[in-house]
Amino acid sequence: MKNYIIVFFLCYSFLYAQDYPRDFFIKPFDIDLNVTGSFGELRYNHFHSGIDLGTNRKIGIPVFAPADGEVVRIHINEKGYGKALYIKHPNGFTTVYGHLNSYGDFIEKYVKESQYKEKSYTIESFPLKGVLNVQKGQIIGYVGNTGSSAGPHLHYEIRDTQTEEILNPLLFGMNDWIVDTENPIINSLLVYPLNDEAVINGVDFPLILSFQKQREGVYMSQKLNAKGEIGFAVNAYDIMNNRYSKNGIYQIETFLNGSKIYQVVFDRFHFDETRNINVFIDYERLSLTKDRFQKLFKKFNYDLSLIKHEKNQGRISVQEGDSYNYKIVISDFHNNQTVINIPINYNAIPIEKSQMKNENLKKIDSKRDYIFQDKNATVEWNALTFYEDCDLDLRLEENQVFLHKDIIPLDKNISIEFDLTNTEIKPEKAFIALVNSGSTSYFYTRKNANVLSTRTRSLGNYKVLEDFDPPVIKPINVFENNKYTENDVLVFEVYDNLSGIKQIDGYINDQWVLFEYEYKDKQIKHQLKDGIATSGKNKLVLNVSDNVGNNSTFETSFNLN
């Protein structure tokens, strides 16, 4: 019988290994791999779906196809992944590349043709089978800083082609190219009361715990005197030997008196799970303090395949007469570990409840539909929009909705509507904005006669604003009758201070030309090598409009040698 068990285990291990071929893909570029963002890392409203590979802030480093395949999708956006590329491989996996500066020559040609055909910088294209085949080691692009990127790097993903699950690239052998002997770092440790009877060290609110490193390298926290149901969270990060980046954790396990009660492993997840990060972390604390705590328990049930094991949803019930040792083991992919032990004793000291209730708040049943109307505003949402019951500060005024603070996460959209019929606001120049902490953000606004509406998954202060000012166009290197060669680039700065840029159209000699738009530096650029300008004098016209239809036009002439 024992031999059968061994054979089964070996067969299972072999099959598991086949799911993630470790020698199929080559490195995406020739330089040393420097991970500046790990798989599953806790980001705003989502888990990081790949790994970020830094390039010492260098743009233009060639990116190679890690295996034979075919380009199945090209997506160019002003934000998000910027210039992105998707390659399907014959082994059942798809690789994704984000924030590229440009594509390999044969792909770039296809992209430019598509952009000129659609007369748009932003495109999404799905090349037909056989149109853009790639071979292992072929240049498919160049590292850039396009889209919502904070600096030059390559965002690299591996997906299961059939299920579209996102997979940790380190599972495919990339960890062999990375040196990591450093243990993860714990910044802070937090404990929560999880029911009405819970008390922790004489208080009934979340408590930061102190801890110290012991001689053997394990951490020990201060002792807890508690009763009722409690749970823990950590603010932690992983470093590698370069020590420049604070990356996410690969695995966390928790044990109560030696028995595992919770495990999360950042190996694979579905896109439709990613917004559950807002209940996986302490959303309110993040909003108020910018500190990101990862909970080691579930307050209520939700789907997240990253969680591999949970007993009593990771929560601890402290019973009279008992004592406990709670242990947290934090590991990186190379199995470097940090361990912290937390001694817990039962203590039934009564306290006076410290949390004051605001009677003006509306009690929200998360399982109900709601609609509120007052003045000229309407707010509406369906059942299960909120993850759990809550108390909400909701006030409707003319042209404005105070929708609590952004400290409660939403799973679905809330609809907000304003009827401008009996107001002095002109609907054609109006839009709905999110106004928080002195900043104003345009929200996509639908217009139906005098009614403005939007949908949002963020709480905050929503207000109707008007925009009468056209966008600003400033030439950077474009001047009347200036001389250029086909290797030059025409550069402008464009911006709009209120509703934001919506459309950019450039024309040379009355023919539409491509201007690439980088919202981070407010610049648009046209490459004269596109071949639209002709030798001699050329007329340039640039039209820029904002989200309520205000338009600016810039005209000049230039010479091409």
Protein backbone atom coordinates (compact mmCIF):
# COMPACT_ATOMS: atom_id res chain seq x y z
CA MET A 1 0.00 0.00 0.00
CA LYS A 2 2.84 2.38 0.87
CA ASN A 3 4.39 1.86 -2.57
CA TYR A 4 1.09 2.76 -4.25
CA ILE A 5 0.94 5.97 -2.25
CA ILE A 6 4.48 6.89 -3.32
CA VAL A 7 3.68 6.16 -6.99
CA PHE A 8 0.50 8.24 -6.78
CA PHE A 9 2.36 11.14 -5.21
CA LEU A 10 5.06 11.06 -7.89
CA CYS A 11 2.46 10.91 -10.65
CA TYR A 12 0.55 13.82 -9.10
CA SER A 13 3.74 15.85 -8.77
CA PHE A 14 4.61 15.13 -12.39
CA LEU A 15 1.18 16.16 -13.61
CA TYR A 16 1.29 19.32 -11.50
CA ALA A 17 4.69 20.21 -12.93
CA GLN A 18 3.34 19.71 -16.46
CA ASP A 19 0.77 22.43 -15.76
CA TYR A 20 3.63 24.91 -15.50
CA PRO A 21 6.43 24.07 -17.94
CA ARG A 22 9.57 25.53 -16.37
CA ASP A 23 11.81 25.43 -19.45
CA PHE A 24 9.43 26.44 -22.25
CA PHE A 25 9.73 30.25 -22.06
CA ILE A 26 12.97 32.19 -22.35
CA LYS A 27 13.67 35.52 -20.63
CA PRO A 28 11.73 38.44 -22.15
CA PHE A 29 14.92 40.51 -22.42
CA ASP A 30 18.70 40.10 -22.12
CA ILE A 31 19.33 42.15 -18.98
CA ASP A 32 19.16 40.78 -15.42
CA LEU A 33 15.62 40.45 -14.14
CA ASN A 34 14.77 43.04 -11.50
CA VAL A 35 11.27 42.47 -10.11
CA THR A 36 9.75 45.83 -9.17
CA GLY A 37 6.19 44.55 -8.79
CA SER A 38 5.22 41.00 -7.88
CA PHE A 39 2.31 38.83 -9.01
CA GLY A 40 -0.88 39.40 -7.02
CA GLU A 41 0.54 42.49 -5.34
CA LEU A 42 -2.11 44.56 -3.59
CA ARG A 43 -2.96 47.47 -5.89
CA TYR A 44 -5.78 50.02 -6.02
CA ASN A 45 -9.03 48.08 -6.60
CA HIS A 46 -7.21 45.04 -8.02
CA PHE A 47 -4.57 42.39 -7.55
CA HIS A 48 -1.54 42.91 -9.77
CA SER A 49 -2.02 40.51 -12.66
CA GLY A 50 1.61 40.01 -13.65
CA ILE A 51 5.11 40.92 -12.62
CA ASP A 52 6.84 44.22 -13.32
CA LEU A 53 10.42 43.98 -14.55
CA GLY A 54 12.47 47.13 -14.03
CA THR A 55 15.10 48.36 -16.49
CA ASN A 56 16.96 50.95 -14.40
CA ARG A 57 14.56 53.56 -15.86
CA LYS A 58 15.75 52.86 -19.41
CA ILE A 59 13.32 53.03 -22.32
CA GLY A 60 13.86 51.11 -25.55
CA ILE A 61 15.32 47.81 -24.29
CA PRO A 62 14.26 45.06 -26.76
CA VAL A 63 11.60 42.59 -25.62
CA PHE A 64 11.81 39.08 -27.09
CA ALA A 65 9.12 36.52 -27.77
CA PRO A 66 9.67 33.90 -25.03
CA ALA A 67 8.46 31.13 -27.36
CA ASP A 68 6.90 30.59 -30.78
CA GLY A 69 3.35 31.87 -31.07
CA GLU A 70 0.99 34.29 -32.75
CA VAL A 71 -0.15 37.80 -31.83
CA VAL A 72 -3.85 37.52 -31.00
CA ARG A 73 -4.53 40.97 -29.59
CA ILE A 74 -3.06 44.47 -29.70
CA HIS A 75 -4.50 47.08 -27.37
CA ILE A 76 -3.35 50.70 -27.19
CA ASN A 77 -4.84 52.95 -24.55
CA GLU A 78 -3.89 56.30 -23.05
CA LYS A 79 -4.09 54.68 -19.59
CA GLY A 80 -4.03 51.10 -18.30
CA TYR A 81 -1.39 48.97 -20.02
CA GLY A 82 -0.65 51.71 -22.59
CA LYS A 83 0.77 49.87 -25.59
CA ALA A 84 0.02 46.21 -24.92
CA LEU A 85 0.60 42.98 -26.81
CA TYR A 86 -0.90 39.49 -26.39
CA ILE A 87 0.80 36.36 -27.78
CA LYS A 88 -0.86 32.93 -27.84
CA HIS A 89 1.56 29.99 -27.58
CA PRO A 90 0.97 26.39 -28.70
CA ASN A 91 1.42 25.01 -25.14
CA GLY A 92 -1.90 26.44 -23.94
CA PHE A 93 -0.64 29.70 -22.44
CA THR A 94 -0.79 33.34 -23.51
CA THR A 95 1.84 35.94 -22.62
CA VAL A 96 1.01 39.64 -22.21
CA TYR A 97 3.29 42.68 -22.41
CA GLY A 98 2.28 46.10 -21.09
CA HIS A 99 3.57 49.70 -21.16
CA LEU A 100 5.64 49.14 -24.34
CA ASN A 101 7.27 52.13 -25.99
CA SER A 102 6.78 50.63 -29.45
CA TYR A 103 6.41 47.27 -31.18
CA GLY A 104 8.78 45.14 -33.25
CA ASP A 105 9.02 46.36 -36.85
CA PHE A 106 6.53 43.90 -38.39
CA ILE A 107 4.01 44.47 -35.59
CA GLU A 108 4.55 48.24 -35.62
CA LYS A 109 3.70 48.31 -39.32
CA TYR A 110 0.42 46.48 -38.64
CA VAL A 111 -0.36 48.82 -35.73
CA LYS A 112 0.25 52.01 -37.70
CA GLU A 113 -1.92 50.76 -40.55
CA SER A 114 -4.72 50.03 -38.07
CA GLN A 115 -4.42 53.43 -36.37
CA TYR A 116 -4.54 55.31 -39.66
CA LYS A 117 -7.44 53.20 -40.85
CA GLU A 118 -9.41 53.94 -37.66
CA LYS A 119 -8.03 57.50 -37.37
CA SER A 120 -7.33 56.90 -33.71
CA TYR A 121 -4.32 56.50 -31.42
CA THR A 122 -6.28 54.18 -29.13
CA ILE A 123 -7.14 50.90 -30.86
CA GLU A 124 -7.99 47.33 -30.02
CA SER A 125 -7.19 44.82 -32.74
CA PHE A 126 -7.44 41.02 -32.98
CA PRO A 127 -5.20 39.94 -35.88
CA LEU A 128 -6.45 37.02 -37.93
CA LYS A 129 -4.74 33.67 -37.51
CA GLY A 130 -1.39 33.55 -39.31
CA VAL A 131 -1.11 37.33 -39.85
CA LEU A 132 1.38 38.04 -37.05
CA ASN A 133 3.31 34.87 -36.20
CA VAL A 134 6.35 35.22 -33.94
CA GLN A 135 9.34 33.00 -33.28
CA LYS A 136 11.18 32.41 -30.02
CA GLY A 137 13.76 35.16 -29.49
CA GLN A 138 12.25 37.53 -32.08
CA ILE A 139 11.94 41.20 -31.08
CA ILE A 140 8.26 41.92 -30.43
CA GLY A 141 8.56 45.32 -28.77
CA TYR A 142 10.60 47.75 -26.71
CA VAL A 143 10.31 48.60 -23.03
CA GLY A 144 8.44 51.84 -22.40
CA ASN A 145 6.45 53.93 -19.96
CA THR A 146 3.08 54.18 -21.72
CA GLY A 147 -0.31 54.08 -20.03
CA SER A 148 -0.70 54.13 -16.26
CA SER A 149 2.95 53.47 -15.57
CA ALA A 150 5.03 55.26 -12.94
CA GLY A 151 8.33 54.65 -14.73
CA PRO A 152 9.94 52.58 -17.52
CA HIS A 153 9.39 48.85 -17.02
CA LEU A 154 7.85 45.78 -18.63
CA HIS A 155 4.57 44.46 -17.28
CA TYR A 156 4.69 40.72 -18.05
CA GLU A 157 1.81 38.25 -17.67
CA ILE A 158 1.16 34.59 -18.34
CA ARG A 159 -2.45 33.45 -18.72
CA ASP A 160 -4.15 30.12 -19.21
CA THR A 161 -5.42 30.56 -22.78
CA GLN A 162 -8.56 28.46 -22.28
CA THR A 163 -9.72 29.66 -18.84
CA GLU A 164 -8.09 33.14 -19.01
CA GLU A 165 -6.85 32.68 -15.45
CA ILE A 166 -3.82 34.84 -14.65
CA LEU A 167 -0.81 32.80 -13.49
CA ASN A 168 2.29 33.69 -11.52
CA PRO A 169 5.15 33.81 -14.08
CA LEU A 170 7.58 32.56 -11.42
CA LEU A 171 5.81 29.18 -11.66
CA PHE A 172 7.26 28.88 -15.18
CA GLY A 173 10.91 28.91 -14.10
CA MET A 174 11.49 32.67 -13.99
CA ASN A 175 12.49 32.34 -10.32
CA ASP A 176 15.68 30.60 -11.51
CA TRP A 177 16.79 33.91 -13.07
CA ILE A 178 16.21 35.89 -9.88
CA VAL A 179 18.47 36.03 -6.82
CA ASP A 180 16.53 36.26 -3.56
CA THR A 181 17.91 35.36 -0.14
CA GLU A 182 16.07 38.05 1.82
CA ASN A 183 13.21 37.36 4.23
CA PRO A 184 9.90 39.21 3.92
CA ILE A 185 9.43 42.28 6.12
CA ILE A 186 6.53 42.87 8.54
CA ASN A 187 5.77 46.56 9.01
CA SER A 188 2.74 46.31 11.28
CA LEU A 189 0.46 43.79 12.95
CA LEU A 190 -3.22 44.48 13.61
CA VAL A 191 -5.89 42.60 15.58
CA TYR A 192 -9.67 43.09 15.18
CA PRO A 193 -12.71 42.36 17.35
CA LEU A 194 -15.13 40.48 15.09
CA ASN A 195 -18.32 40.22 17.16
CA ASP A 196 -20.17 42.30 19.74
CA GLU A 197 -18.67 40.39 22.67
CA ALA A 198 -15.06 40.71 21.51
CA VAL A 199 -12.59 42.62 23.70
CA ILE A 200 -8.85 42.89 23.09
CA ASN A 201 -6.56 44.23 25.83
CA GLY A 202 -9.48 46.13 27.31
CA VAL A 203 -10.73 47.78 24.10
CA ASP A 204 -13.34 46.91 21.48
CA PHE A 205 -11.69 48.40 18.39
CA PRO A 206 -8.82 47.29 16.09
CA LEU A 207 -5.48 47.43 17.86
CA ILE A 208 -1.92 47.75 16.53
CA LEU A 209 0.36 45.22 18.24
CA SER A 210 4.03 45.66 19.02
CA PHE A 211 6.46 42.81 18.35
CA GLN A 212 10.18 42.10 18.72
CA LYS A 213 12.67 39.77 17.10
CA GLN A 214 13.91 36.90 19.28
CA ARG A 215 17.40 35.42 19.28
CA GLU A 216 16.40 32.54 17.02
CA GLY A 217 15.11 35.03 14.42
CA VAL A 218 11.40 34.50 15.09
CA TYR A 219 9.27 37.50 16.11
CA MET A 220 7.16 37.57 19.26
CA SER A 221 4.26 39.98 19.71
CA GLN A 222 2.98 41.50 22.91
CA LYS A 223 0.58 39.25 24.85
CA LEU A 224 -3.11 39.53 24.12
CA ASN A 225 -5.84 39.34 26.73
CA ALA A 226 -9.03 38.77 24.81
CA LYS A 227 -12.47 37.24 24.65
CA GLY A 228 -14.89 36.63 21.81
CA GLU A 229 -14.06 36.30 18.14
CA ILE A 230 -10.94 38.03 16.83
CA GLY A 231 -8.87 38.16 13.64
CA PHE A 232 -5.51 39.47 12.47
CA ALA A 233 -4.04 41.44 9.56
CA VAL A 234 -0.49 42.26 8.49
CA ASN A 235 1.15 45.11 6.65
CA ALA A 236 4.08 43.30 5.04
CA TYR A 237 6.22 43.29 1.91
CA ASP A 238 8.94 41.25 0.25
CA ILE A 239 12.36 42.41 -0.85
CA MET A 240 14.87 40.76 -3.10
CA ASN A 241 18.60 41.15 -3.17
CA ASN A 242 18.48 44.49 -4.99
CA ARG A 243 16.48 45.89 -2.00
CA TYR A 244 15.08 48.69 -4.19
CA SER A 245 11.48 47.48 -4.43
CA LYS A 246 8.88 46.62 -1.83
CA ASN A 247 7.03 43.76 -3.49
CA GLY A 248 3.98 41.76 -2.50
CA ILE A 249 4.03 38.55 -0.47
CA TYR A 250 3.81 35.12 -2.14
CA GLN A 251 2.29 33.06 0.70
CA ILE A 252 0.91 33.56 4.19
CA GLU A 253 -0.10 30.73 6.50
CA THR A 254 -1.57 31.02 9.99
CA PHE A 255 -1.68 28.39 12.72
CA LEU A 256 -3.62 28.16 15.97
CA ASN A 257 -1.94 25.90 18.52
CA GLY A 258 -0.10 24.20 15.66
CA SER A 259 -3.16 23.62 13.45
CA LYS A 260 -3.38 25.51 10.15
CA ILE A 261 -6.43 27.76 9.98
CA TYR A 262 -5.70 30.00 6.98
CA GLN A 263 -3.52 30.02 3.86
CA VAL A 264 -3.29 32.42 0.93
CA VAL A 265 -0.99 31.72 -2.03
CA PHE A 266 -0.49 34.20 -4.86
CA ASP A 267 -0.27 31.71 -7.71
CA ARG A 268 -3.37 32.19 -9.91
CA PHE A 269 -6.74 33.94 -9.94
CA HIS A 270 -9.57 34.99 -12.25
CA PHE A 271 -10.15 38.56 -13.40
CA ASP A 272 -13.71 38.49 -12.06
CA GLU A 273 -12.29 37.93 -8.56
CA THR A 274 -9.86 40.83 -8.56
CA ARG A 275 -12.18 43.49 -7.14
CA ASN A 276 -12.59 41.36 -4.01
CA ILE A 277 -9.26 42.83 -2.99
CA ASN A 278 -11.37 45.57 -1.38
CA VAL A 279 -12.64 43.14 1.26
CA PHE A 280 -9.44 41.11 1.35
CA ILE A 281 -7.67 44.21 2.68
CA ASP A 282 -8.73 46.75 5.31
CA TYR A 283 -10.29 49.19 2.84
CA GLU A 284 -11.21 51.83 5.40
CA ARG A 285 -7.74 51.94 6.93
CA LEU A 286 -6.17 52.19 3.49
CA SER A 287 -8.46 55.11 2.59
CA LEU A 288 -7.77 56.97 5.82
CA THR A 289 -4.08 56.22 6.48
CA LYS A 290 -2.70 54.88 3.15
CA ASP A 291 -1.48 51.79 5.08
CA ARG A 292 -2.39 48.56 3.29
CA PHE A 293 -3.26 45.73 5.71
CA GLN A 294 -3.94 42.26 4.35
CA LYS A 295 -6.57 40.48 6.43
CA LEU A 296 -5.87 36.92 7.57
CA PHE A 297 -9.56 36.17 8.04
CA LYS A 298 -12.90 36.63 6.32
CA LYS A 299 -15.51 38.75 8.01
CA PHE A 300 -18.07 37.22 5.63
CA ASN A 301 -17.86 34.76 2.76
CA TYR A 302 -16.68 35.79 -0.72
CA ASP A 303 -14.97 34.05 -3.62
CA LEU A 304 -11.20 34.31 -3.97
CA SER A 305 -9.19 31.40 -5.35
CA LEU A 306 -5.96 32.82 -3.88
CA ILE A 307 -7.23 31.61 -0.49
CA LYS A 308 -6.29 27.92 -0.37
CA HIS A 309 -7.29 27.00 3.16
CA GLU A 310 -9.59 28.44 5.79
CA LYS A 311 -10.93 27.04 9.01
CA ASN A 312 -13.71 29.11 10.59
CA GLN A 313 -12.80 31.67 7.87
CA GLY A 314 -9.46 32.25 9.64
CA ARG A 315 -11.17 33.69 12.74
CA ILE A 316 -10.27 32.79 16.32
CA SER A 317 -12.86 32.22 19.04
CA VAL A 318 -11.23 32.95 22.43
CA GLN A 319 -13.04 30.81 25.00
CA GLU A 320 -13.09 31.08 28.77
CA GLY A 321 -10.24 29.24 30.51
CA ASP A 322 -8.22 28.71 27.32
CA SER A 323 -4.94 30.10 26.06
CA TYR A 324 -3.62 30.01 22.51
CA ASN A 325 -0.54 30.52 20.38
CA TYR A 326 -1.30 32.11 17.02
CA LYS A 327 1.51 31.91 14.47
CA ILE A 328 1.87 33.75 11.16
CA VAL A 329 4.34 32.40 8.58
CA ILE A 330 5.08 34.73 5.66
CA SER A 331 7.02 33.26 2.71
CA ASP A 332 8.35 34.49 -0.62
CA PHE A 333 8.58 32.35 -3.74
CA HIS A 334 12.14 31.28 -2.85
CA ASN A 335 10.87 30.05 0.54
CA ASN A 336 12.56 32.76 2.59
CA GLN A 337 10.34 33.06 5.66
CA THR A 338 9.41 35.44 8.44
CA VAL A 339 7.55 34.04 11.46
CA ILE A 340 5.71 35.86 14.20
CA ASN A 341 4.13 34.24 17.29
CA ILE A 342 1.23 35.86 19.16
CA PRO A 343 0.29 34.54 22.64
CA ILE A 344 -3.43 34.90 23.46
CA ASN A 345 -5.06 34.47 26.87
CA TYR A 346 -8.75 34.58 27.72
CA ASN A 347 -9.73 37.65 29.76
CA ALA A 348 -13.30 38.70 30.52
CA ILE A 349 -12.70 42.20 31.87
CA PRO A 350 -15.86 44.19 30.98
CA ILE A 351 -15.49 47.53 29.24
CA GLU A 352 -17.74 50.41 28.35
CA LYS A 353 -18.36 50.40 24.62
CA SER A 354 -16.28 53.13 23.01
CA GLN A 355 -17.75 53.36 19.53
CA MET A 356 -20.37 56.11 19.27
CA LYS A 357 -23.18 55.73 16.76
CA ASN A 358 -24.17 58.65 14.53
CA GLU A 359 -27.96 58.67 14.53
CA ASN A 360 -28.03 60.73 11.31
CA LEU A 361 -26.54 57.89 9.28
CA LYS A 362 -28.82 55.74 7.15
CA LYS A 363 -28.77 52.06 8.04
CA ILE A 364 -28.23 50.10 4.84
CA ASP A 365 -29.32 46.49 4.42
CA SER A 366 -26.87 45.08 1.83
CA LYS A 367 -29.51 42.59 0.60
CA ARG A 368 -32.01 45.29 -0.44
CA ASP A 369 -32.49 47.53 -3.48
CA TYR A 370 -32.49 51.26 -2.72
CA ILE A 371 -33.57 54.47 -4.43
CA PHE A 372 -33.26 57.96 -2.88
CA GLN A 373 -34.66 61.15 -4.45
CA ASP A 374 -34.46 64.75 -3.26
CA LYS A 375 -34.06 68.18 -4.86
CA ASN A 376 -33.01 67.36 -8.45
CA ALA A 377 -30.86 64.33 -7.54
CA THR A 378 -31.51 60.59 -7.60
CA VAL A 379 -29.26 57.86 -6.18
CA GLU A 380 -30.05 54.19 -6.83
CA TRP A 381 -28.42 50.78 -6.36
CA ASN A 382 -29.36 47.11 -6.41
CA ALA A 383 -29.10 44.50 -3.68
CA LEU A 384 -25.57 43.21 -2.93
CA THR A 385 -23.95 46.43 -4.13
CA PHE A 386 -22.47 46.71 -0.64
CA TYR A 387 -20.58 43.69 0.65
CA GLU A 388 -22.20 43.97 4.09
CA ASP A 389 -24.70 46.03 6.07
CA CYS A 390 -23.42 49.49 6.95
CA ASP A 391 -24.34 52.98 8.18
CA LEU A 392 -24.19 55.54 5.38
CA ASP A 393 -23.95 59.32 5.34
CA LEU A 394 -26.12 60.12 2.31
CA ARG A 395 -27.30 63.67 1.56
CA LEU A 396 -28.91 64.86 -1.67
CA GLU A 397 -28.77 68.55 -2.54
CA GLU A 398 -29.39 70.49 -5.71
CA ASN A 399 -26.72 69.47 -8.24
CA GLN A 400 -24.76 67.61 -5.58
CA VAL A 401 -24.76 64.24 -3.80
CA PHE A 402 -22.77 63.60 -0.63
CA LEU A 403 -22.30 59.83 -0.75
CA HIS A 404 -20.41 59.10 2.46
CA LYS A 405 -16.60 58.93 2.34
CA ASP A 406 -14.66 56.49 0.22
CA ILE A 407 -14.04 54.18 3.19
CA ILE A 408 -16.60 51.48 2.32
CA PRO A 409 -15.97 49.23 -0.70
CA LEU A 410 -18.62 48.54 -3.34
CA ASP A 411 -19.04 45.35 -5.34
CA LYS A 412 -21.43 46.84 -7.91
CA ASN A 413 -22.21 50.23 -9.41
CA ILE A 414 -24.32 52.96 -7.87
CA SER A 415 -26.33 55.14 -10.29
CA ILE A 416 -26.40 58.91 -9.80
CA GLU A 417 -28.72 61.20 -11.77
CA PHE A 418 -29.35 64.94 -11.89
CA ASP A 419 -32.30 66.62 -13.64
CA LEU A 420 -31.20 70.10 -14.74
CA THR A 421 -34.61 71.18 -16.09
CA ASN A 422 -35.30 73.78 -13.41
CA THR A 423 -31.72 74.93 -12.90
CA GLU A 424 -29.61 77.59 -14.57
CA ILE A 425 -27.00 75.05 -15.66
CA LYS A 426 -26.61 74.43 -19.39
CA PRO A 427 -26.66 70.65 -19.96
CA GLU A 428 -24.44 70.81 -23.05
CA LYS A 429 -21.55 72.25 -21.00
CA ALA A 430 -22.20 70.27 -17.82
CA PHE A 431 -20.74 67.05 -16.47
CA ILE A 432 -20.67 65.04 -13.25
CA ALA A 433 -17.46 65.26 -11.24
CA LEU A 434 -16.10 63.49 -8.18
CA VAL A 435 -14.91 66.21 -5.81
CA ASN A 436 -12.78 64.91 -2.94
CA SER A 437 -10.12 66.65 -0.84
CA GLY A 438 -9.95 69.61 -3.18
CA SER A 439 -9.41 67.53 -6.34
CA THR A 440 -11.90 67.27 -9.18
CA SER A 441 -12.20 64.22 -11.45
CA TYR A 442 -14.39 63.99 -14.55
CA PHE A 443 -16.81 61.05 -14.44
CA TYR A 444 -18.17 59.64 -17.68
CA THR A 445 -21.49 61.48 -18.01
CA ARG A 446 -24.47 60.32 -20.06
CA LYS A 447 -26.85 63.02 -21.25
CA ASN A 448 -30.53 62.61 -22.10
CA ALA A 449 -32.07 66.03 -22.76
CA ASN A 450 -31.73 67.83 -19.40
CA VAL A 451 -30.78 64.73 -17.39
CA LEU A 452 -27.19 63.87 -16.53
CA SER A 453 -26.30 60.44 -15.15
CA THR A 454 -23.26 58.37 -14.23
CA ARG A 455 -22.40 55.06 -12.58
CA THR A 456 -19.70 54.58 -9.98
CA ARG A 457 -18.17 52.02 -7.63
CA SER A 458 -16.56 54.64 -5.39
CA LEU A 459 -18.24 56.59 -2.63
CA GLY A 460 -17.60 60.32 -2.34
CA ASN A 461 -18.93 63.76 -3.20
CA TYR A 462 -20.50 63.98 -6.68
CA LYS A 463 -21.33 67.35 -8.16
CA VAL A 464 -22.56 68.89 -11.42
CA LEU A 465 -19.97 71.27 -12.87
CA GLU A 466 -19.83 73.39 -16.02
CA ASP A 467 -16.87 73.76 -18.36
CA PHE A 468 -16.76 76.68 -20.78
CA ASP A 469 -13.00 76.79 -21.35
CA PRO A 470 -11.44 75.10 -24.39
CA PRO A 471 -8.34 72.89 -24.08
CA VAL A 472 -4.89 74.46 -24.20
CA ILE A 473 -2.46 73.65 -27.05
CA LYS A 474 1.19 74.62 -26.58
CA PRO A 475 3.80 73.86 -29.25
CA ILE A 476 7.02 72.43 -27.80
CA ASN A 477 9.19 72.24 -30.92
CA VAL A 478 6.79 73.36 -33.65
CA PHE A 479 7.23 76.86 -35.05
CA GLU A 480 6.10 78.65 -38.21
CA ASN A 481 8.17 77.60 -41.26
CA ASN A 482 10.56 75.52 -39.12
CA LYS A 483 12.64 72.92 -40.99
CA TYR A 484 12.50 69.22 -40.13
CA THR A 485 13.71 65.87 -41.44
CA GLU A 486 11.70 62.66 -41.61
CA ASN A 487 13.45 61.48 -38.44
CA ASP A 488 12.05 64.37 -36.39
CA VAL A 489 9.02 64.31 -34.11
CA LEU A 490 6.47 67.12 -33.75
CA VAL A 491 5.67 67.66 -30.06
CA PHE A 492 2.86 69.61 -28.39
CA GLU A 493 1.62 69.97 -24.84
CA VAL A 494 -2.16 69.69 -24.53
CA TYR A 495 -4.32 69.85 -21.42
CA ASP A 496 -7.75 70.75 -20.12
CA ASN A 497 -8.20 71.98 -16.57
CA LEU A 498 -11.71 70.73 -15.91
CA SER A 499 -13.57 68.11 -17.97
CA GLY A 500 -10.41 66.69 -19.59
CA ILE A 501 -9.22 65.86 -23.12
CA LYS A 502 -11.54 63.69 -25.19
CA GLN A 503 -10.42 63.91 -28.82
CA ILE A 504 -7.21 64.82 -30.64
CA ASP A 505 -7.10 65.09 -34.43
CA GLY A 506 -4.13 66.30 -36.46
CA TYR A 507 -3.99 67.00 -40.19
CA ILE A 508 -1.05 67.57 -42.51
CA ASN A 509 -2.09 68.96 -45.88
CA ASP A 510 -5.70 68.04 -45.00
CA GLN A 511 -4.81 64.39 -44.39
CA TRP A 512 -5.37 62.89 -40.92
CA VAL A 513 -2.14 62.09 -39.06
CA LEU A 514 -1.42 60.12 -35.92
CA PHE A 515 -0.55 61.95 -32.71
CA GLU A 516 0.38 59.67 -29.82
CA TYR A 517 -0.93 60.94 -26.50
CA GLU A 518 0.78 60.53 -23.11
CA TYR A 519 -1.57 61.91 -20.44
CA LYS A 520 1.14 61.73 -17.72
CA ASP A 521 3.28 64.45 -19.31
CA LYS A 522 0.37 66.01 -21.28
CA GLN A 523 2.27 65.59 -24.53
CA ILE A 524 1.21 64.52 -28.01
CA LYS A 525 3.73 63.50 -30.66
CA HIS A 526 3.68 62.93 -34.42
CA GLN A 527 6.50 61.03 -36.08
CA LEU A 528 7.28 62.52 -39.46
CA LYS A 529 8.58 59.11 -40.60
CA ASP A 530 4.90 58.11 -40.92
CA GLY A 531 5.31 59.60 -44.38
CA ILE A 532 2.31 61.92 -44.58
CA ALA A 533 4.32 65.14 -44.84
CA THR A 534 5.90 65.81 -48.22
CA SER A 535 9.14 67.47 -49.19
CA GLY A 536 8.87 71.25 -48.99
CA LYS A 537 6.18 73.29 -47.25
CA ASN A 538 3.41 71.53 -45.29
CA LYS A 539 0.30 72.82 -43.57
CA LEU A 540 -0.45 71.47 -40.07
CA VAL A 541 -3.83 71.75 -38.33
CA LEU A 542 -4.39 70.39 -34.82
CA ASN A 543 -7.88 70.09 -33.27
CA VAL A 544 -8.32 69.22 -29.59
CA SER A 545 -11.70 68.91 -27.85
CA ASP A 546 -12.68 68.27 -24.24
CA ASN A 547 -15.41 66.06 -22.77
CA VAL A 548 -18.16 68.70 -23.08
CA GLY A 549 -17.34 69.72 -26.64
CA ASN A 550 -15.13 72.80 -26.15
CA ASN A 551 -12.63 72.85 -29.00
CA SER A 552 -9.23 74.44 -29.69
CA THR A 553 -7.45 74.65 -33.05
CA PHE A 554 -3.78 75.29 -33.79
CA GLU A 555 -2.54 75.99 -37.32
CA THR A 556 0.97 76.46 -38.68
CA SER A 557 3.24 75.56 -41.59
CA PHE A 558 6.57 73.76 -41.56
CA ASN A 559 9.15 72.63 -44.08
CA LEU A 560 10.38 69.07 -44.60
CA ASN A 561 13.86 68.67 -46.06
